[in-house]
Structure formats: structure tokens, C-alpha cells
Amino acid sequence: MCLSIPSRIVELHPEEQAVTVETLGVKRKVSSHLMDEQLALDDYVLIHIGFVMNKIDKADAEQSLALYQEIVAKMNEQEAQS
């Protein structure tokens, strides 16, 4: 099973068919070769093995990110109690 965290596009590299995304504070350049749909700054996308696989709705992405942050906070809390 693969878990993909929504990533926000922060920079476009059309000459390379790539974009830079930010995922929970981490930035990285990924390929957009597999996307037929036009991508723009601030779009949310899902990444798999370095490729943009699909664009997702901003509201859905923000809801997913809030859940991931909640999970991380609970894991950190549990770790601190150990």
C-alpha cells in the first residue's frame, strides 16, 4: 500500500516538465511528465516515486493535511509518554 500526502506546487519548471512541491514543510522537485492536465502554482497534487500522479481539490488536500498533522501530533504525544 502506498500513502501519498498532498503536496502544494510552489515552483514551475516547464522546460524540464517538472514542478517543485512543498510537502509538510519539505520542498523537492518532481516530474510532471505523466500529467496531461495543466498544473499551476498553489495546485495540490499527489506524488508517487517522484512523479505527479494527479491533481486534487484544495479543500480535500487541506482536510487530508490537517488529519496527517493530527496523526503526527498524537504519535509525538505517545512517544513522549514512553
N, C-alpha and C. Protein backbone atom coordinates (compact mmCIF):
# COMPACT_ATOMS: atom_id res chain seq x y z
N MET A 1 0.85 -1.17 0.00
CA MET A 1 0.00 0.00 0.00
C MET A 1 0.89 1.24 0.00
N CYS A 2 0.47 2.24 -0.72
CA CYS A 2 1.23 3.47 -0.80
C CYS A 2 0.41 4.61 -0.20
N LEU A 3 1.05 5.42 0.62
CA LEU A 3 0.40 6.57 1.22
C LEU A 3 0.95 7.83 0.58
N SER A 4 0.08 8.63 0.01
CA SER A 4 0.53 9.86 -0.65
C SER A 4 -0.03 11.06 0.09
N ILE A 5 0.85 11.93 0.51
CA ILE A 5 0.46 13.14 1.22
C ILE A 5 0.32 14.27 0.21
N PRO A 6 -0.77 15.03 0.27
CA PRO A 6 -0.94 16.13 -0.67
C PRO A 6 0.24 17.10 -0.62
N SER A 7 0.68 17.52 -1.78
CA SER A 7 1.81 18.44 -1.91
C SER A 7 1.35 19.66 -2.70
N ARG A 8 1.80 20.84 -2.28
CA ARG A 8 1.42 22.09 -2.95
C ARG A 8 2.53 22.51 -3.90
N ILE A 9 2.17 22.87 -5.13
CA ILE A 9 3.15 23.32 -6.11
C ILE A 9 3.60 24.73 -5.76
N VAL A 10 4.92 24.90 -5.60
CA VAL A 10 5.48 26.20 -5.23
C VAL A 10 6.36 26.80 -6.33
N GLU A 11 6.70 25.99 -7.32
CA GLU A 11 7.52 26.49 -8.43
C GLU A 11 7.28 25.61 -9.66
N LEU A 12 7.23 26.25 -10.81
CA LEU A 12 7.04 25.54 -12.08
C LEU A 12 8.35 25.51 -12.85
N HIS A 13 8.63 24.39 -13.51
CA HIS A 13 9.81 24.22 -14.36
C HIS A 13 9.36 23.64 -15.70
N PRO A 14 8.63 24.41 -16.51
CA PRO A 14 8.05 23.86 -17.75
C PRO A 14 9.09 23.32 -18.73
N GLU A 15 10.26 23.93 -18.76
CA GLU A 15 11.30 23.47 -19.68
C GLU A 15 11.80 22.07 -19.33
N GLU A 16 11.59 21.66 -18.08
CA GLU A 16 12.02 20.33 -17.62
C GLU A 16 10.83 19.39 -17.42
N GLN A 17 9.62 19.86 -17.67
CA GLN A 17 8.41 19.12 -17.33
C GLN A 17 8.48 18.66 -15.88
N ALA A 18 8.69 19.65 -14.99
CA ALA A 18 8.82 19.36 -13.57
C ALA A 18 8.22 20.51 -12.76
N VAL A 19 7.97 20.23 -11.50
CA VAL A 19 7.49 21.24 -10.56
C VAL A 19 8.21 21.02 -9.24
N THR A 20 8.32 22.09 -8.46
CA THR A 20 8.79 21.96 -7.08
C THR A 20 7.56 21.98 -6.20
N VAL A 21 7.49 21.00 -5.30
CA VAL A 21 6.35 20.90 -4.39
C VAL A 21 6.82 21.05 -2.95
N GLU A 22 5.89 21.44 -2.11
CA GLU A 22 6.14 21.53 -0.67
C GLU A 22 5.20 20.55 0.00
N THR A 23 5.79 19.64 0.79
CA THR A 23 5.02 18.62 1.49
C THR A 23 5.36 18.69 2.97
N LEU A 24 4.44 19.19 3.76
CA LEU A 24 4.65 19.31 5.21
C LEU A 24 5.97 19.99 5.53
N GLY A 25 6.26 21.06 4.82
CA GLY A 25 7.46 21.85 5.08
C GLY A 25 8.70 21.44 4.31
N VAL A 26 8.65 20.35 3.57
CA VAL A 26 9.79 19.86 2.81
C VAL A 26 9.55 20.13 1.33
N LYS A 27 10.55 20.75 0.67
CA LYS A 27 10.43 21.04 -0.76
C LYS A 27 11.28 20.06 -1.57
N ARG A 28 10.74 19.68 -2.74
CA ARG A 28 11.52 18.84 -3.66
C ARG A 28 10.98 18.99 -5.07
N LYS A 29 11.84 18.77 -6.03
CA LYS A 29 11.46 18.84 -7.44
C LYS A 29 11.00 17.45 -7.88
N VAL A 30 9.85 17.41 -8.58
CA VAL A 30 9.31 16.15 -9.08
C VAL A 30 8.90 16.31 -10.54
N SER A 31 8.80 15.21 -11.23
CA SER A 31 8.45 15.22 -12.64
C SER A 31 6.95 15.38 -12.84
N SER A 32 6.59 16.14 -13.87
CA SER A 32 5.18 16.26 -14.26
C SER A 32 4.94 15.62 -15.64
N HIS A 33 5.87 14.77 -16.08
CA HIS A 33 5.77 14.11 -17.38
C HIS A 33 4.47 13.33 -17.58
N LEU A 34 3.94 12.76 -16.52
CA LEU A 34 2.77 11.90 -16.65
C LEU A 34 1.45 12.65 -16.61
N MET A 35 1.50 13.95 -16.43
CA MET A 35 0.27 14.75 -16.31
C MET A 35 -0.15 15.34 -17.65
N ASP A 36 -1.39 15.08 -18.04
CA ASP A 36 -1.96 15.72 -19.22
C ASP A 36 -2.57 17.07 -18.84
N GLU A 37 -3.04 17.15 -17.60
CA GLU A 37 -3.70 18.35 -17.10
C GLU A 37 -2.68 19.44 -16.80
N GLN A 38 -3.03 20.69 -17.10
CA GLN A 38 -2.16 21.83 -16.82
C GLN A 38 -2.02 22.03 -15.31
N LEU A 39 -0.80 22.24 -14.85
CA LEU A 39 -0.55 22.50 -13.43
C LEU A 39 -0.18 23.96 -13.24
N ALA A 40 -0.53 24.49 -12.06
CA ALA A 40 -0.27 25.90 -11.77
C ALA A 40 0.23 26.03 -10.33
N LEU A 41 0.83 27.18 -10.04
CA LEU A 41 1.26 27.47 -8.67
C LEU A 41 0.08 27.32 -7.73
N ASP A 42 0.35 26.77 -6.55
CA ASP A 42 -0.63 26.56 -5.48
C ASP A 42 -1.62 25.43 -5.75
N ASP A 43 -1.48 24.70 -6.87
CA ASP A 43 -2.27 23.49 -7.06
C ASP A 43 -1.78 22.44 -6.06
N TYR A 44 -2.67 21.56 -5.65
CA TYR A 44 -2.29 20.43 -4.81
C TYR A 44 -2.26 19.17 -5.66
N VAL A 45 -1.22 18.37 -5.46
CA VAL A 45 -1.04 17.16 -6.25
C VAL A 45 -0.64 16.00 -5.34
N LEU A 46 -0.77 14.80 -5.89
CA LEU A 46 -0.28 13.60 -5.22
C LEU A 46 0.91 13.08 -6.01
N ILE A 47 1.94 12.67 -5.28
CA ILE A 47 3.21 12.23 -5.86
C ILE A 47 3.40 10.74 -5.59
N HIS A 48 3.94 10.04 -6.57
CA HIS A 48 4.35 8.64 -6.38
C HIS A 48 5.68 8.46 -7.07
N ILE A 49 6.65 7.98 -6.36
CA ILE A 49 8.02 7.73 -6.81
C ILE A 49 8.58 8.86 -7.68
N GLY A 50 8.35 10.09 -7.23
CA GLY A 50 8.94 11.23 -7.92
C GLY A 50 8.16 11.78 -9.10
N PHE A 51 6.94 11.28 -9.32
CA PHE A 51 6.10 11.74 -10.41
C PHE A 51 4.77 12.27 -9.87
N VAL A 52 4.31 13.39 -10.42
CA VAL A 52 2.96 13.86 -10.11
C VAL A 52 2.00 12.87 -10.76
N MET A 53 1.09 12.31 -9.94
CA MET A 53 0.15 11.33 -10.46
C MET A 53 -1.22 11.95 -10.75
N ASN A 54 -1.64 12.90 -9.91
CA ASN A 54 -2.90 13.58 -10.18
C ASN A 54 -3.01 14.86 -9.35
N LYS A 55 -3.87 15.75 -9.83
CA LYS A 55 -4.16 17.00 -9.15
C LYS A 55 -5.39 16.76 -8.29
N ILE A 56 -5.42 17.36 -7.08
CA ILE A 56 -6.57 17.18 -6.21
C ILE A 56 -7.12 18.52 -5.76
N ASP A 57 -8.36 18.50 -5.33
CA ASP A 57 -9.06 19.68 -4.87
C ASP A 57 -8.38 20.28 -3.63
N LYS A 58 -8.28 21.60 -3.58
CA LYS A 58 -7.61 22.28 -2.47
C LYS A 58 -8.27 21.95 -1.13
N ALA A 59 -9.58 21.96 -1.07
CA ALA A 59 -10.28 21.68 0.20
C ALA A 59 -9.99 20.25 0.67
N ASP A 60 -10.00 19.30 -0.24
CA ASP A 60 -9.68 17.91 0.11
C ASP A 60 -8.24 17.79 0.59
N ALA A 61 -7.33 18.48 -0.10
CA ALA A 61 -5.92 18.44 0.28
C ALA A 61 -5.72 19.02 1.68
N GLU A 62 -6.35 20.16 1.95
CA GLU A 62 -6.20 20.79 3.26
C GLU A 62 -6.79 19.93 4.37
N GLN A 63 -7.91 19.24 4.09
CA GLN A 63 -8.51 18.34 5.07
C GLN A 63 -7.57 17.16 5.35
N SER A 64 -6.99 16.60 4.30
CA SER A 64 -6.04 15.49 4.47
C SER A 64 -4.81 15.92 5.27
N LEU A 65 -4.28 17.10 4.94
CA LEU A 65 -3.10 17.60 5.65
C LEU A 65 -3.40 17.82 7.13
N ALA A 66 -4.59 18.31 7.45
CA ALA A 66 -4.97 18.51 8.86
C ALA A 66 -5.02 17.16 9.58
N LEU A 67 -5.54 16.13 8.92
CA LEU A 67 -5.58 14.80 9.53
C LEU A 67 -4.17 14.24 9.74
N TYR A 68 -3.29 14.42 8.74
CA TYR A 68 -1.91 13.95 8.89
C TYR A 68 -1.23 14.65 10.07
N GLN A 69 -1.44 15.95 10.20
CA GLN A 69 -0.84 16.69 11.30
C GLN A 69 -1.37 16.22 12.64
N GLU A 70 -2.65 15.88 12.69
CA GLU A 70 -3.24 15.35 13.91
C GLU A 70 -2.61 13.99 14.27
N ILE A 71 -2.43 13.14 13.27
CA ILE A 71 -1.80 11.84 13.50
C ILE A 71 -0.38 12.01 14.02
N VAL A 72 0.38 12.90 13.40
CA VAL A 72 1.77 13.14 13.83
C VAL A 72 1.80 13.66 15.26
N ALA A 73 0.89 14.57 15.60
CA ALA A 73 0.85 15.12 16.96
C ALA A 73 0.55 14.02 17.98
N LYS A 74 -0.38 13.12 17.66
CA LYS A 74 -0.71 12.01 18.57
C LYS A 74 0.46 11.04 18.71
N MET A 75 1.15 10.80 17.59
CA MET A 75 2.32 9.90 17.67
C MET A 75 3.41 10.53 18.53
N ASN A 76 3.64 11.82 18.36
CA ASN A 76 4.64 12.51 19.18
C ASN A 76 4.26 12.50 20.65
N GLU A 77 2.97 12.66 20.93
CA GLU A 77 2.48 12.63 22.30
C GLU A 77 2.71 11.26 22.92
N GLN A 78 2.39 10.20 22.18
CA GLN A 78 2.60 8.84 22.66
C GLN A 78 4.08 8.56 22.89
N GLU A 79 4.91 9.04 21.98
CA GLU A 79 6.35 8.83 22.11
C GLU A 79 6.90 9.54 23.35
N ALA A 80 6.40 10.72 23.64
CA ALA A 80 6.84 11.49 24.80
C ALA A 80 6.43 10.81 26.10
N GLN A 81 5.33 10.07 26.08
CA GLN A 81 4.84 9.37 27.26
C GLN A 81 5.60 8.07 27.52
N SER A 82 6.29 7.57 26.51
CA SER A 82 7.02 6.28 26.64
C SER A 82 8.30 6.45 27.41
